[in-house]
Protein backbone atom coordinates (compact mmCIF):
# COMPACT_ATOMS: atom_id res chain seq x y z
CA MET A 1 4.30 -45.73 81.66
CA ILE A 2 6.79 -46.05 78.87
CA ILE A 3 10.15 -45.93 80.76
CA PRO A 4 9.05 -47.96 83.94
CA THR A 5 8.10 -50.55 80.96
CA VAL A 6 11.19 -50.66 79.19
CA LEU A 7 12.94 -50.37 82.64
CA LEU A 8 11.56 -53.03 83.62
CA LEU A 9 12.13 -55.41 80.63
CA SER A 10 15.67 -55.00 81.03
CA PHE A 11 15.82 -55.91 84.64
CA LEU A 12 13.55 -59.40 84.11
CA SER A 13 16.05 -60.01 81.13
CA PHE A 14 18.92 -59.09 82.78
CA SER A 15 18.17 -61.34 86.01
CA VAL A 16 16.53 -64.20 83.56
CA ILE A 17 21.05 -64.66 81.95
CA TYR A 18 22.49 -63.91 84.82
CA PHE A 19 20.72 -66.56 87.39
CA ALA A 20 20.96 -68.79 84.14
CA PRO A 21 23.11 -72.09 84.38
CA GLY A 22 26.66 -71.30 82.70
CA SER A 23 29.51 -69.10 83.39
CA ALA A 24 29.33 -66.03 81.26
CA GLU A 25 33.18 -65.63 81.08
CA LYS A 26 33.64 -69.35 80.23
CA LEU A 27 31.24 -69.25 77.73
CA LEU A 28 32.60 -66.05 75.78
CA LEU A 29 36.36 -67.98 76.26
CA ASN A 30 35.17 -71.03 74.28
CA ALA A 31 33.52 -69.05 71.73
CA LYS A 32 37.01 -67.00 71.26
CA ASN A 33 38.73 -70.18 71.90
CA ALA A 34 37.15 -72.97 70.54
CA ARG A 35 40.08 -75.56 69.71
CA GLY A 36 42.22 -74.52 72.92
CA PHE A 37 42.47 -75.57 76.52
CA ILE A 38 40.80 -72.49 78.55
CA SER A 39 41.67 -74.21 82.41
CA ASP A 40 39.45 -72.58 85.37
CA LYS A 41 42.82 -69.82 86.63
CA THR A 42 41.90 -68.28 82.89
CA VAL A 43 38.77 -68.19 83.76
CA ASP A 44 38.70 -66.22 86.91
CA VAL A 45 41.31 -63.91 85.49
CA TYR A 46 39.29 -63.02 82.43
CA GLY A 47 35.81 -62.39 84.50
CA LYS A 48 37.54 -60.29 86.52
CA LYS A 49 38.66 -58.13 83.58
CA LEU A 50 35.32 -57.90 82.60
CA GLY A 51 33.92 -57.41 85.88
CA LEU A 52 32.25 -60.07 85.84
CA ASN A 53 33.04 -61.79 89.28
CA LYS A 54 30.34 -58.65 89.90
CA PRO A 55 27.36 -59.51 91.90
CA PHE A 56 23.89 -59.19 89.97
CA GLY A 57 23.04 -55.98 91.69
CA ARG A 58 26.13 -54.36 91.25
CA LEU A 59 26.19 -55.50 87.13
CA TYR A 60 23.26 -54.40 86.84
CA ALA A 61 23.91 -50.95 88.69
CA HIS A 62 26.87 -50.49 86.36
CA TRP A 63 24.82 -51.34 82.98
CA LEU A 64 21.79 -48.67 83.78
CA CYS A 65 24.26 -45.66 85.06
CA SER A 66 25.89 -46.15 81.80
CA LEU A 67 22.44 -46.27 80.47
CA LEU A 68 21.31 -42.98 81.89
CA LYS A 69 24.27 -41.82 80.02
CA GLY A 70 23.19 -42.84 76.95
CA ASP A 71 26.28 -45.71 77.09
CA LEU A 72 25.11 -49.37 76.18
CA GLY A 73 27.84 -50.38 76.56
CA THR A 74 30.36 -52.58 74.82
CA SER A 75 29.98 -56.40 73.48
CA TYR A 76 31.98 -58.86 75.35
CA LEU A 77 31.79 -61.45 71.91
CA THR A 78 32.92 -58.59 69.65
CA ASN A 79 34.07 -55.39 71.36
CA LYS A 80 31.91 -53.45 69.27
CA PRO A 81 29.93 -51.14 70.76
CA VAL A 82 25.80 -52.14 71.58
CA SER A 83 24.35 -48.96 69.97
CA GLY A 84 26.15 -49.79 66.52
CA ILE A 85 25.10 -53.48 66.75
CA PHE A 86 21.61 -53.03 67.15
CA ILE A 87 21.18 -50.24 64.52
CA LYS A 88 22.70 -52.23 61.61
CA ARG A 89 20.84 -55.46 62.70
CA PHE A 90 17.59 -53.55 63.62
CA SER A 91 17.43 -52.67 60.04
CA VAL A 92 17.08 -55.93 58.47
CA THR A 93 14.42 -56.76 60.86
CA PHE A 94 12.65 -53.49 60.61
CA LYS A 95 12.61 -54.43 56.44
CA LEU A 96 11.13 -57.56 57.36
CA ALA A 97 8.47 -56.36 59.61
CA LEU A 98 7.66 -53.80 57.05
CA LEU A 99 7.30 -55.89 54.05
CA SER A 100 4.92 -58.20 56.65
CA LEU A 101 2.65 -55.43 56.94
CA LEU A 102 1.95 -54.38 53.60
CA ILE A 103 1.65 -57.90 52.91
CA TYR A 104 -0.64 -58.07 55.72
CA SER A 105 -2.37 -55.29 55.13
CA ALA A 106 -3.17 -55.64 51.49
CA LEU A 107 -5.16 -59.04 52.04
CA GLY A 108 -6.98 -57.98 55.55
CA ILE A 109 -8.17 -54.77 54.39
CA PRO A 110 -10.09 -55.92 51.04
CA ILE A 111 -10.82 -59.33 52.19
CA GLY A 112 -12.28 -57.87 55.99
CA VAL A 113 -14.63 -55.29 53.75
CA LEU A 114 -15.56 -57.81 51.28
CA ALA A 115 -16.74 -60.13 53.94
CA SER A 116 -18.74 -57.53 55.37
CA VAL A 117 -20.40 -55.55 51.95
CA LYS A 118 -21.13 -58.46 50.50
CA GLU A 119 -21.98 -60.81 52.51
CA ASN A 120 -20.31 -63.50 51.07
CA ILE A 121 -20.71 -66.63 52.97
CA LEU A 122 -17.79 -68.23 51.03
CA CYS A 123 -15.73 -65.47 52.21
CA ARG A 124 -16.59 -66.02 55.57
CA PHE A 125 -16.34 -69.37 56.24
CA PHE A 126 -12.27 -69.32 54.60
CA LEU A 127 -11.98 -66.30 57.14
CA GLN A 128 -13.23 -68.20 60.35
CA ARG A 129 -11.14 -71.27 59.13
CA TRP A 130 -8.39 -69.80 58.36
CA ARG A 131 -8.05 -68.20 62.11
CA ILE A 132 -8.70 -71.46 63.62
CA ILE A 133 -5.40 -72.79 61.84
CA CYS A 134 -3.73 -69.85 62.30
CA MET A 135 -4.05 -69.65 66.39
CA SER A 136 -3.00 -73.62 66.13
CA ILE A 137 -0.41 -73.74 63.78
CA PRO A 138 3.03 -72.17 64.75
CA SER A 139 4.31 -70.23 61.89
CA PHE A 140 8.00 -71.37 62.83
CA TRP A 141 6.90 -74.99 61.90
CA ILE A 142 5.50 -73.70 58.85
CA ALA A 143 8.79 -71.67 57.95
CA VAL A 144 10.61 -75.34 58.01
CA ILE A 145 7.82 -76.50 55.93
CA LEU A 146 8.67 -73.29 53.38
CA VAL A 147 12.11 -73.39 53.47
CA TRP A 148 11.90 -77.11 52.46
CA PHE A 149 9.58 -76.77 49.88
CA ILE A 150 11.32 -73.42 48.34
CA ALA A 151 14.57 -75.61 48.57
CA ASN A 152 13.57 -78.70 46.40
CA TYR A 153 10.78 -77.28 43.96
CA ILE A 154 11.34 -73.64 43.30
CA PRO A 155 15.21 -72.99 43.69
CA VAL A 156 15.09 -69.62 42.16
CA ILE A 157 13.80 -67.86 45.61
CA PRO A 158 16.60 -67.57 47.66
CA THR A 159 15.33 -68.97 51.08
CA ILE A 160 18.46 -69.50 53.14
CA GLY A 161 21.38 -66.11 54.00
CA TYR A 162 20.48 -62.39 53.68
CA HIS A 163 21.08 -61.33 49.74
CA GLY A 164 18.70 -57.55 49.66
CA ILE A 165 15.01 -57.01 50.02
CA LYS A 166 14.17 -60.06 47.85
CA SER A 167 15.42 -62.74 50.72
CA LEU A 168 12.86 -61.20 52.92
CA ILE A 169 10.21 -62.01 50.21
CA VAL A 170 9.23 -65.50 51.51
CA PRO A 171 9.43 -65.03 55.24
CA ALA A 172 7.55 -61.67 54.85
CA PHE A 173 5.49 -63.46 52.94
CA LEU A 174 4.83 -65.83 55.92
CA LEU A 175 4.18 -62.99 58.83
CA GLY A 176 1.44 -61.19 56.84
CA ILE A 177 -0.23 -64.14 55.40
CA MET A 178 -0.42 -66.30 59.03
CA SER A 179 -1.32 -62.98 60.90
CA PHE A 180 -4.26 -60.40 58.24
CA SER A 181 -7.38 -62.59 59.98
CA ASN A 182 -6.92 -60.34 62.79
CA LEU A 183 -7.05 -57.29 60.87
CA THR A 184 -9.68 -59.15 58.72
CA CYS A 185 -11.63 -59.61 61.85
CA VAL A 186 -11.65 -56.05 63.01
CA ILE A 187 -12.17 -54.48 59.81
CA GLN A 188 -15.48 -57.08 58.86
CA SER A 189 -17.01 -56.12 62.16
CA LYS A 190 -16.39 -52.57 62.39
CA THR A 191 -17.85 -52.08 58.53
CA GLN A 192 -20.92 -54.23 59.64
CA ALA A 193 -21.59 -51.95 62.89
CA VAL A 194 -20.96 -48.76 60.13
CA LEU A 195 -23.28 -49.90 57.90
CA SER A 196 -26.18 -50.46 60.26
CA LYS A 197 -25.83 -46.70 61.63
CA SER A 198 -29.24 -44.60 61.02
CA PHE A 199 -27.05 -42.54 59.57
CA ILE A 200 -25.85 -44.68 56.58
CA ILE A 201 -29.24 -46.09 55.72
CA LEU A 202 -30.29 -42.57 55.49
CA ALA A 203 -27.22 -41.21 53.30
CA GLY A 204 -28.65 -44.07 51.03
CA ALA A 205 -32.20 -43.18 51.28
CA LEU A 206 -31.16 -39.99 50.26
CA GLY A 207 -29.91 -41.28 46.74
CA ILE A 208 -25.92 -40.76 47.89
CA PRO A 209 -23.86 -43.31 45.21
CA GLN A 210 -22.44 -45.87 47.65
CA LYS A 211 -19.57 -45.28 46.33
CA ILE A 212 -19.07 -41.89 48.36
CA ILE A 213 -21.21 -42.99 51.48
CA PHE A 214 -18.55 -45.80 51.44
CA ILE A 215 -15.47 -43.66 50.75
CA ARG A 216 -16.22 -40.32 53.40
CA HIS A 217 -18.30 -42.18 56.15
CA VAL A 218 -17.47 -46.11 56.27
CA LEU A 219 -13.66 -45.65 55.43
CA LYS A 220 -13.40 -42.62 58.00
CA ASN A 221 -15.12 -44.56 60.62
CA ILE A 222 -12.92 -47.87 60.08
CA ALA A 223 -9.66 -46.63 59.93
CA ALA A 224 -9.01 -45.71 63.57
CA PRO A 225 -9.22 -49.10 64.55
CA ALA A 226 -7.80 -50.47 61.51
CA ILE A 227 -4.91 -48.55 62.04
CA ALA A 228 -4.16 -49.24 65.75
CA VAL A 229 -4.33 -52.99 65.03
CA ALA A 230 -2.15 -52.82 62.43
CA CYS A 231 0.27 -50.54 64.16
CA ILE A 232 -0.18 -53.12 67.79
CA ASP A 233 0.61 -56.22 65.20
CA PHE A 234 3.28 -54.38 63.73
CA SER A 235 4.68 -54.46 67.26
CA GLY A 236 4.05 -58.24 66.60
CA PHE A 237 6.18 -58.69 63.66
CA ILE A 238 9.19 -57.09 64.95
CA GLY A 239 9.31 -60.07 67.91
CA GLY A 240 7.69 -62.46 65.03
CA ALA A 241 11.04 -61.38 62.80
CA ILE A 242 13.16 -62.59 65.44
CA LEU A 243 12.02 -65.92 65.55
CA ILE A 244 11.35 -66.43 62.15
CA GLU A 245 15.21 -65.07 60.99
CA ASN A 246 16.65 -67.87 62.82
CA ILE A 247 14.94 -70.13 60.57
CA PHE A 248 15.87 -68.49 57.48
CA SER A 249 19.23 -67.19 58.16
CA ILE A 250 18.36 -63.45 57.73
CA PRO A 251 21.10 -61.62 59.60
CA GLY A 252 18.62 -59.16 61.97
CA LEU A 253 18.03 -58.95 65.63
CA GLY A 254 17.22 -62.15 65.98
CA LEU A 255 19.97 -63.80 64.78
CA MET A 256 22.25 -61.96 67.17
CA LEU A 257 20.30 -62.07 69.78
CA ALA A 258 20.57 -66.14 69.54
CA GLU A 259 24.33 -65.85 69.58
CA ALA A 260 24.20 -63.46 72.83
CA LEU A 261 22.55 -65.60 74.66
CA ASN A 262 24.76 -68.75 73.47
CA VAL A 263 27.42 -66.92 75.47
CA LYS A 264 25.63 -64.32 78.11
CA ASP A 265 26.74 -61.09 76.65
CA TYR A 266 24.81 -59.33 78.89
CA PRO A 267 25.49 -55.63 77.04
CA VAL A 268 23.76 -56.88 73.87
CA ILE A 269 20.80 -58.72 75.53
CA ALA A 270 20.21 -56.23 78.13
CA GLY A 271 20.83 -53.13 75.45
CA THR A 272 18.98 -55.00 72.59
CA LEU A 273 15.80 -56.17 74.50
CA PHE A 274 15.26 -52.10 76.56
CA LEU A 275 15.65 -51.09 72.87
CA LEU A 276 13.70 -53.01 71.01
CA GLY A 277 10.88 -52.70 74.56
CA LEU A 278 11.25 -48.65 73.61
CA PHE A 279 10.45 -49.29 69.99
CA ILE A 280 7.26 -51.35 70.83
CA ASN A 281 6.25 -49.15 73.70
CA LEU A 282 6.14 -45.88 70.97
CA SER A 283 4.84 -47.95 68.01
CA ASN A 284 1.45 -48.66 70.55
CA PHE A 285 1.63 -44.74 71.75
CA PHE A 286 2.07 -43.68 67.95
CA ALA A 287 -0.65 -46.02 67.42
CA GLU A 288 -2.85 -44.07 70.07
CA MET A 289 -1.96 -40.77 69.21
CA VAL A 290 -3.24 -41.77 65.58
CA TYR A 291 -6.86 -42.89 66.32
CA LEU A 292 -7.48 -40.04 68.52
CA ILE A 293 -6.38 -37.68 65.66
CA ILE A 294 -8.63 -39.72 63.89
CA ASP A 295 -11.78 -40.09 65.92
CA ARG A 296 -11.92 -37.24 68.51
CA ARG A 297 -14.82 -38.72 70.35
CA GLY A 298 -11.94 -40.18 72.43
CA ILE A 299 -10.50 -36.69 73.26
CA TYR A 300 -13.98 -35.30 74.20
CA GLU A 301 -15.11 -39.02 76.47
CA ASN A 302 -11.42 -38.55 78.61
């Protein structure tokens, strides 16, 4: 289902951009020649040169045929190959998503285990309220507040622009802290379920140290769902990073897509969303395979 899913994604994205208001050739010419006057004849000639005067079906079929040959096309705006632009920008977005995942795991796993093992009422109260806050407040609004606060009170930390990995700390922390409650919820419920199993109670009755029981039995049983949830949320970090990048002015996929959308750069938009959809689907597939490798009961049940 991965291939038809990403092809459907490319078709829908191509359709939305094509039928959106505005002439692609005029927007592109305005972007390249912001100060000069552009006549309608110049716009028509430029559209024919790029092939933008073709109907939707022929335009999409041409892009799809090029895709099957391994060619994602060339950007109308920069005249550079889409694949090269994507790799350069995706490396920044991937670093941001990976750093967010590390923060997400560092917070979600220990807090989830603590809430289930120690039965800490205060910890559970905090988690319940934090889940409500994370679901109620959009991350981009908090991002704007963070940019204002750090720029005014902690100017040492960079917030705008990309100056290496240190520029990703604040947005990664934002994405991680706003999402770790998902992992915590799964860790907490699965740990409680495993601790109530008869073989765990029997192991304790036989005098096996709690540390060994936890490492050999509890962690092994909660590892599969934890990895599955983390991989799925990692896909969410990719999507969240695209939005957050525009606020922090990080030159990743977010800024690239925003620039392409403003001028209706079809090859960049369709190619980026296709590769992004393929990556996310492969991430989910990887999570499913890891789940089956760790917990082989799913294989036997199927």
